[in-house]
Protein backbone atom coordinates (compact mmCIF):
# COMPACT_ATOMS: atom_id res chain seq x y z
CA MET A 1 11.14 -15.35 -19.82
CA ILE A 2 11.47 -14.38 -16.25
CA ASP A 3 15.28 -13.98 -16.94
CA GLU A 4 14.46 -11.83 -19.79
CA ILE A 5 12.12 -9.45 -17.37
CA ARG A 6 14.69 -9.27 -15.09
CA GLU A 7 17.25 -8.40 -17.24
CA LYS A 8 15.21 -5.97 -19.64
CA ARG A 9 13.34 -4.69 -16.56
CA ASN A 10 10.37 -5.19 -18.53
CA ILE A 11 7.43 -7.03 -19.36
CA THR A 12 4.74 -7.69 -22.33
CA GLN A 13 1.42 -8.01 -22.22
CA GLU A 14 1.86 -11.54 -23.76
CA GLN A 15 4.33 -12.51 -20.88
CA LEU A 16 1.72 -10.98 -18.30
CA GLU A 17 -0.79 -12.94 -19.09
CA THR A 18 1.29 -15.81 -19.14
CA LEU A 19 2.56 -15.35 -15.79
CA LEU A 20 -1.04 -14.61 -14.21
CA THR A 21 -2.80 -17.60 -16.02
CA ILE A 22 -0.10 -20.07 -15.34
CA GLU A 23 -1.57 -23.19 -13.05
CA ASP A 24 1.01 -23.74 -10.29
CA ASP A 25 1.30 -24.34 -6.86
CA SER A 26 3.57 -21.60 -6.07
CA VAL A 27 1.59 -20.66 -2.68
CA LEU A 28 2.43 -23.93 -1.26
CA ALA A 29 6.34 -23.60 -2.59
CA LEU A 30 6.40 -20.17 -0.77
CA GLN A 31 4.79 -21.40 2.66
CA LEU A 32 8.28 -21.03 4.18
CA ALA A 33 10.71 -20.58 2.09
CA GLU A 34 11.64 -24.41 2.23
CA ASN A 35 10.40 -26.00 -1.00
CA ASP A 36 12.99 -27.20 -3.33
CA SER A 37 10.11 -26.91 -6.27
CA GLN A 38 11.10 -25.61 -9.45
CA SER A 39 8.16 -24.64 -10.81
CA ALA A 40 8.11 -21.59 -13.07
CA LEU A 41 6.16 -19.48 -10.27
CA HIS A 42 8.29 -20.46 -7.83
CA TYR A 43 11.49 -19.12 -9.70
CA LEU A 44 9.88 -15.75 -10.36
CA TYR A 45 9.49 -15.40 -6.40
CA GLN A 46 12.98 -16.40 -5.92
CA GLN A 47 13.87 -14.26 -8.47
CA ALA A 48 12.09 -11.40 -7.20
CA ARG A 49 13.62 -11.98 -3.87
CA GLU A 50 17.09 -11.89 -5.18
CA VAL A 51 16.35 -8.66 -6.56
CA ALA A 52 15.02 -7.20 -3.51
CA ASP A 53 18.00 -8.73 -1.27
CA ALA A 54 20.70 -7.15 -3.86
CA VAL A 55 18.79 -3.53 -3.44
CA TYR A 56 17.97 -3.46 0.32
CA GLY A 57 19.28 -6.50 1.71
CA LYS A 58 17.60 -9.20 4.34
CA ARG A 59 15.80 -6.27 5.73
CA VAL A 60 11.58 -5.18 5.79
CA PHE A 61 10.96 -1.57 6.72
CA LYS A 62 8.11 -0.74 9.15
CA ARG A 63 5.84 2.40 8.56
CA GLY A 64 3.48 3.57 11.51
CA LEU A 65 -0.05 3.81 10.35
CA ILE A 66 -2.12 6.48 11.67
CA GLU A 67 -5.79 6.43 10.26
CA PHE A 68 -7.01 9.53 11.79
CA THR A 69 -10.24 10.30 9.99
CA ASN A 70 -12.68 7.57 8.15
CA TYR A 71 -15.05 10.93 7.16
CA CYS A 72 -15.09 11.14 3.04
CA LYS A 73 -16.45 13.25 0.47
CA ASN A 74 -16.26 10.89 -1.85
CA ASP A 75 -18.54 7.56 -2.81
CA CYS A 76 -16.23 5.40 -4.39
CA TYR A 77 -18.02 2.08 -4.97
CA TYR A 78 -15.63 -0.55 -3.18
CA CYS A 79 -14.83 1.71 -0.28
CA GLY A 80 -16.14 1.18 3.18
CA ILE A 81 -15.70 4.81 4.18
CA ARG A 82 -17.67 6.25 1.38
CA ARG A 83 -19.90 8.55 2.13
CA SER A 84 -23.26 6.70 1.52
CA ASN A 85 -22.41 4.16 4.22
CA LYS A 86 -24.90 5.38 6.83
CA CYS A 87 -23.65 2.40 8.94
CA ALA A 88 -19.98 3.65 9.59
CA LYS A 89 -19.23 4.65 12.75
CA ARG A 90 -17.47 7.98 12.07
CA TYR A 91 -14.61 9.93 13.91
CA ARG A 92 -11.68 11.65 13.76
CA LEU A 93 -8.57 11.87 15.60
CA ASP A 94 -7.28 15.52 17.19
CA LYS A 95 -3.71 16.77 16.92
CA GLU A 96 -3.03 15.54 20.38
CA THR A 97 -4.22 11.80 20.00
CA ILE A 98 -2.34 11.99 16.53
CA LEU A 99 0.73 13.12 18.59
CA ASP A 100 0.39 10.42 20.86
CA CYS A 101 0.42 7.75 18.71
CA CYS A 102 3.55 9.38 17.06
CA ALA A 103 5.06 8.93 20.64
CA LYS A 104 4.01 5.23 21.15
CA GLY A 105 5.33 4.69 17.87
CA HIS A 106 8.72 6.48 18.05
CA GLU A 107 9.39 4.92 21.21
CA LEU A 108 8.74 1.41 19.37
CA GLY A 109 11.08 2.51 16.82
CA PHE A 110 9.08 3.59 13.84
CA ARG A 111 10.87 6.25 11.83
CA THR A 112 7.96 6.54 9.19
CA PHE A 113 4.42 7.67 10.25
CA VAL A 114 1.79 7.60 7.86
CA LEU A 115 -1.39 9.60 8.38
CA GLN A 116 -4.09 8.08 6.17
CA GLY A 117 -7.73 9.07 6.18
CA GLY A 118 -10.89 9.88 3.98
CA GLU A 119 -11.03 13.16 2.15
CA ASP A 120 -12.51 14.81 5.18
CA GLY A 121 -12.96 18.66 4.73
CA HIS A 122 -12.55 19.08 8.71
CA PHE A 123 -9.36 18.61 7.86
CA THR A 124 -8.17 21.95 6.22
CA ASP A 125 -5.13 22.47 4.69
CA GLU A 126 -4.22 25.01 7.98
CA ARG A 127 -5.11 21.69 10.27
CA ILE A 128 -3.11 19.24 8.09
CA CYS A 129 -0.39 21.68 8.03
CA GLU A 130 -0.31 22.31 11.76
CA ILE A 131 -0.34 18.58 12.52
CA VAL A 132 2.58 18.10 9.97
CA ALA A 133 4.88 20.93 11.62
CA SER A 134 4.24 19.50 15.11
CA ILE A 135 5.41 16.22 14.31
CA ARG A 136 8.44 17.68 11.99
CA GLU A 137 9.12 19.36 14.88
CA GLN A 138 8.90 16.88 17.92
CA TYR A 139 10.42 14.12 15.55
CA PRO A 140 12.86 15.31 13.32
CA ASP A 141 14.57 11.91 12.35
CA CYS A 142 11.33 10.88 10.83
CA ALA A 143 9.82 10.60 7.41
CA ILE A 144 5.88 12.05 7.23
CA THR A 145 3.55 10.47 4.68
CA LEU A 146 0.18 11.78 3.97
CA SER A 147 -2.59 9.71 2.54
CA ILE A 148 -5.38 11.63 1.95
CA GLY A 149 -6.34 11.66 -1.54
CA GLU A 150 -6.81 13.95 -3.98
CA LYS A 151 -5.97 17.80 -3.35
CA SER A 152 -4.82 20.89 -5.47
CA LYS A 153 -1.21 21.37 -6.48
CA GLU A 154 -1.08 24.41 -3.78
CA SER A 155 -2.24 22.15 -1.08
CA TYR A 156 0.29 19.50 -1.74
CA GLN A 157 2.75 22.16 -1.89
CA LYS A 158 1.57 23.60 1.41
CA TYR A 159 2.11 20.11 3.15
CA PHE A 160 5.47 19.98 1.47
CA ASP A 161 6.46 23.16 3.11
CA ALA A 162 5.10 21.97 6.51
CA GLY A 163 7.59 18.92 6.55
CA ALA A 164 5.58 16.30 4.69
CA ASN A 165 8.06 14.30 2.64
CA ARG A 166 6.12 11.28 1.43
CA TYR A 167 2.76 10.92 -0.49
CA LEU A 168 0.71 7.96 -1.30
CA LEU A 169 -1.98 7.89 -3.74
CA ARG A 170 -3.37 4.83 -5.31
CA HIS A 171 -4.21 5.38 -9.11
CA GLU A 172 -6.57 2.31 -8.51
CA THR A 173 -6.40 1.68 -12.18
CA ALA A 174 -4.72 3.37 -15.28
CA ASN A 175 -7.68 2.63 -17.54
CA ASP A 176 -10.31 5.08 -17.94
CA THR A 177 -13.28 2.76 -18.69
CA HIS A 178 -12.29 0.63 -15.87
CA TYR A 179 -11.89 3.96 -13.55
CA ARG A 180 -15.39 4.95 -14.70
CA LYS A 181 -16.64 1.46 -13.42
CA LEU A 182 -15.27 2.16 -9.50
CA HIS A 183 -15.66 5.61 -9.23
CA PRO A 184 -19.02 8.18 -9.35
CA GLU A 185 -18.62 10.82 -12.18
CA GLU A 186 -17.35 13.39 -10.44
CA LEU A 187 -14.05 11.60 -9.91
CA THR A 188 -11.94 11.00 -13.04
CA LEU A 189 -8.68 9.33 -13.68
CA THR A 190 -7.34 12.15 -15.59
CA ASN A 191 -7.02 14.47 -12.17
CA ARG A 192 -6.10 11.48 -10.18
CA LYS A 193 -2.68 10.94 -12.46
CA GLN A 194 -2.35 14.84 -12.62
CA CYS A 195 -2.33 15.02 -8.59
CA LEU A 196 0.56 12.21 -8.73
CA TRP A 197 2.63 14.28 -11.46
CA ASP A 198 2.52 17.43 -9.29
CA LEU A 199 3.41 15.46 -5.92
CA LYS A 200 6.54 14.35 -8.00
CA GLU A 201 7.16 17.78 -9.26
CA ILE A 202 7.04 19.20 -5.90
CA GLY A 203 9.42 17.02 -4.59
CA TYR A 204 7.57 14.24 -2.84
CA GLN A 205 8.58 10.77 -2.49
CA VAL A 206 5.34 9.25 -4.09
CA GLY A 207 3.35 6.06 -4.00
CA CYS A 208 0.82 4.83 -6.22
CA GLY A 209 -0.70 1.48 -6.55
CA PHE A 210 -3.69 -0.54 -7.43
CA MET A 211 -6.39 -3.08 -6.50
CA VAL A 212 -5.86 -6.69 -7.69
CA GLY A 213 -8.91 -8.52 -8.65
CA SER A 214 -11.32 -5.23 -8.31
CA PRO A 215 -14.63 -5.64 -10.43
CA GLY A 216 -13.77 -4.54 -14.13
CA GLN A 217 -10.08 -5.35 -14.01
CA THR A 218 -8.81 -7.73 -16.69
CA ILE A 219 -4.97 -8.79 -17.85
CA GLU A 220 -5.54 -5.73 -20.11
CA THR A 221 -5.95 -3.06 -17.72
CA ILE A 222 -3.19 -4.65 -15.38
CA TYR A 223 -0.64 -4.28 -18.30
CA GLU A 224 -1.93 -0.28 -18.59
CA ASP A 225 -1.38 0.11 -14.73
CA LEU A 226 2.09 -1.48 -15.04
CA GLU A 227 3.05 0.93 -18.04
CA PHE A 228 1.80 4.08 -16.12
CA ILE A 229 3.82 2.88 -12.82
CA LYS A 230 6.99 2.65 -15.42
CA GLU A 231 5.79 5.83 -16.61
CA LEU A 232 5.51 7.37 -13.06
CA LYS A 233 8.66 5.89 -11.83
CA PRO A 234 7.14 6.10 -8.09
CA HIS A 235 9.21 5.37 -5.03
CA MET A 236 6.59 3.19 -3.70
CA VAL A 237 3.92 0.95 -5.05
CA GLY A 238 1.35 -0.42 -3.00
CA ILE A 239 -0.87 -3.22 -4.40
CA GLY A 240 -3.24 -5.41 -2.49
CA PRO A 241 -6.25 -7.45 -3.16
CA PHE A 242 -9.64 -6.51 -3.64
CA ILE A 243 -11.96 -7.18 -0.30
CA PRO A 244 -15.77 -6.30 -0.80
CA GLN A 245 -17.31 -4.37 2.09
CA ASN A 246 -21.02 -5.25 2.73
CA GLU A 247 -22.25 -1.67 2.91
CA THR A 248 -21.11 -0.84 -1.03
CA PRO A 249 -22.43 -1.66 -4.02
CA PHE A 250 -19.47 -4.19 -4.43
CA ALA A 251 -20.67 -6.57 -1.35
CA LYS A 252 -21.59 -9.59 -3.60
CA GLU A 253 -18.34 -9.37 -5.91
CA HIS A 254 -15.42 -11.71 -5.64
CA ALA A 255 -12.35 -10.80 -3.66
CA GLY A 256 -9.20 -10.52 -5.49
CA THR A 257 -6.53 -13.85 -4.69
CA LEU A 258 -3.41 -14.27 -2.62
CA GLU A 259 -1.87 -15.95 -5.74
CA GLN A 260 -2.65 -12.89 -8.14
CA THR A 261 -1.18 -10.69 -5.77
CA LEU A 262 1.72 -12.56 -5.08
CA ARG A 263 2.46 -12.85 -8.78
CA LEU A 264 2.19 -9.43 -9.26
CA LEU A 265 4.22 -8.12 -6.51
CA ALA A 266 7.19 -10.56 -7.51
CA ILE A 267 6.76 -8.86 -11.65
CA ILE A 268 6.59 -5.15 -10.14
CA ARG A 269 9.67 -6.15 -8.15
CA LEU A 270 11.79 -7.22 -11.43
CA ILE A 271 10.86 -4.36 -13.40
CA HIS A 272 11.58 -1.87 -10.35
CA PRO A 273 14.31 -3.29 -8.62
CA HIS A 274 14.43 -0.22 -6.26
CA VAL A 275 10.73 0.38 -5.34
CA LEU A 276 9.45 0.39 -1.86
CA LEU A 277 6.85 -2.58 -2.08
CA PRO A 278 4.62 -3.20 1.00
CA ALA A 279 2.89 -6.33 1.93
CA THR A 280 -0.27 -4.89 2.76
CA THR A 281 -2.95 -5.48 5.49
CA ALA A 282 -4.94 -6.56 2.80
CA LEU A 283 -2.96 -9.52 1.89
CA GLY A 284 -2.81 -10.35 5.75
CA THR A 285 -6.39 -10.40 5.60
CA ILE A 286 -7.07 -12.75 3.10
CA HIS A 287 -4.27 -15.43 4.58
CA GLU A 288 -2.72 -15.89 7.76
CA ASN A 289 0.67 -15.69 6.38
CA GLY A 290 -0.10 -13.22 3.66
CA ARG A 291 2.50 -10.82 4.99
CA GLU A 292 5.23 -13.35 4.91
CA LEU A 293 4.44 -14.30 1.70
CA GLY A 294 4.27 -11.12 0.22
CA ILE A 295 7.88 -10.41 1.49
CA LEU A 296 9.13 -13.86 -0.13
CA ALA A 297 7.73 -12.49 -3.36
CA GLY A 298 9.75 -9.64 -3.44
CA ALA A 299 7.97 -6.98 -0.90
CA ASN A 300 9.73 -5.03 1.76
CA VAL A 301 7.87 -2.81 3.66
CA VAL A 302 5.12 -3.60 6.59
CA MET A 303 2.98 -1.24 8.01
CA PRO A 304 1.69 -2.21 11.47
CA ASN A 305 -1.32 0.29 12.70
CA LEU A 306 -0.39 2.94 15.54
CA SER A 307 -4.21 4.36 15.28
CA PRO A 308 -6.14 3.81 18.86
CA LYS A 309 -7.68 0.48 19.11
CA ASP A 310 -11.47 2.12 18.83
CA ALA A 311 -10.55 3.79 15.83
CA ARG A 312 -9.03 0.82 14.25
CA GLU A 313 -12.13 -0.95 14.63
CA LYS A 314 -14.06 1.66 12.42
CA TYR A 315 -11.53 2.32 9.17
CA THR A 316 -13.48 -0.35 7.86
CA LEU A 317 -12.30 0.04 4.23
CA TYR A 318 -13.10 -3.92 3.85
CA ASP A 319 -14.65 -6.44 5.78
CA ASN A 320 -12.96 -8.51 8.18
CA LYS A 321 -9.93 -6.05 7.87
CA LEU A 322 -6.89 -6.83 10.46
CA HIS A 323 -6.25 -4.10 13.24
CA SER A 324 -5.03 -6.10 16.22
CA GLY A 325 -2.43 -8.97 16.99
CA ASP A 326 0.53 -8.99 15.22
CA GLU A 327 -1.12 -6.03 12.67
CA ALA A 328 -0.76 -3.71 15.36
CA ALA A 329 1.95 -1.60 16.16
CA GLU A 330 2.25 -3.30 19.86
CA GLY A 331 2.45 -6.66 18.29
CA ASP A 332 6.11 -5.61 16.91
CA ALA A 333 7.90 -8.17 18.64
CA ASN A 334 5.72 -10.87 17.26
CA LEU A 335 6.05 -9.70 13.95
CA ARG A 336 9.82 -9.18 14.34
CA LYS A 337 9.94 -12.84 15.17
CA ARG A 338 7.43 -14.28 12.40
CA LEU A 339 9.89 -12.54 9.86
CA GLU A 340 13.01 -13.58 11.55
CA LYS A 341 11.76 -17.14 10.54
CA ILE A 342 11.63 -16.38 6.73
CA GLY A 343 14.99 -14.99 7.21
CA TYR A 344 14.43 -11.10 7.34
CA GLU A 345 14.76 -8.69 9.50
CA LEU A 346 12.30 -5.94 10.61
CA VAL A 347 14.48 -2.52 10.33
CA THR A 348 14.11 0.93 12.37
CA ASP A 349 15.63 2.82 9.55
CA ARG A 350 13.37 5.03 7.61
CA GLY A 351 14.14 3.16 4.41
CA ASP A 352 14.27 6.03 2.05
CA PHE A 353 14.27 4.86 -1.93
CA SER A 354 17.50 3.72 -3.10
């Protein structure tokens, strides 16, 4: 079955259910990539690594994450920076601070900067374009990625014209009923998807994605996610486990699991050999070796944090979010060693879509 998925670059809902429900010691088999287990899931991860290695080699691309504002006009039920969270310690980085983060990142070898923030009205199109243009002028060799939510097509075009060339916008779920469980009434799945199509039409390299284990998620909704990804043909797919945040309506919900996230990373890699696939901070948060395990399941991107230390502590999308140690940009050397231990090289290449 796994060979068929790899060969056809497609999966049926029945196959998906089999791979997501089979009981296995796959995580133990993956720990240091030294286990000789011939279990089905170990084979799945092995095949996913083969596919990723064939396209990108034993290379892991690093992106410098700059979390520049935790103000947000939206009230998504899962998010720690939602507007209703009165306990959030709000902050904004000014242009000079953002450029300082880029300078530090460039010196450390980062060639992609990811500007991520809530949908903050303070950062008008004019301000975003000014920041983007300044980064583009100072670092013409770097890719500039934005992750700032739903905007009009006209706004996206302005950012693109200013020098941004990548955009990350998780669709969160491709099922409308499930979308309603995660978001307030004013947000719609129709608009979310349209934003992604607009970004592609403009010419961005586009990333979508979803949380694994979010409240209300089922095998059926995950299959719809995979079908939407196949239709959209994004350049990047960001998935990570849902982790509850204690000041949200989902504070008491169960977190997504390492096992399901790894299985879905591998499945996505088999279906989309060329996609850029991050081993996310959330994955590293729920397991001390989560990032390495993600790489061993087919991921090939990591996103260390370039934000000022006090800002990292306030960008609490979920509880216990990693923001220091090897998760931080200054942990670059340690991260490099950890990846070398499992046979991979951390590279400065921009890692454009192959």
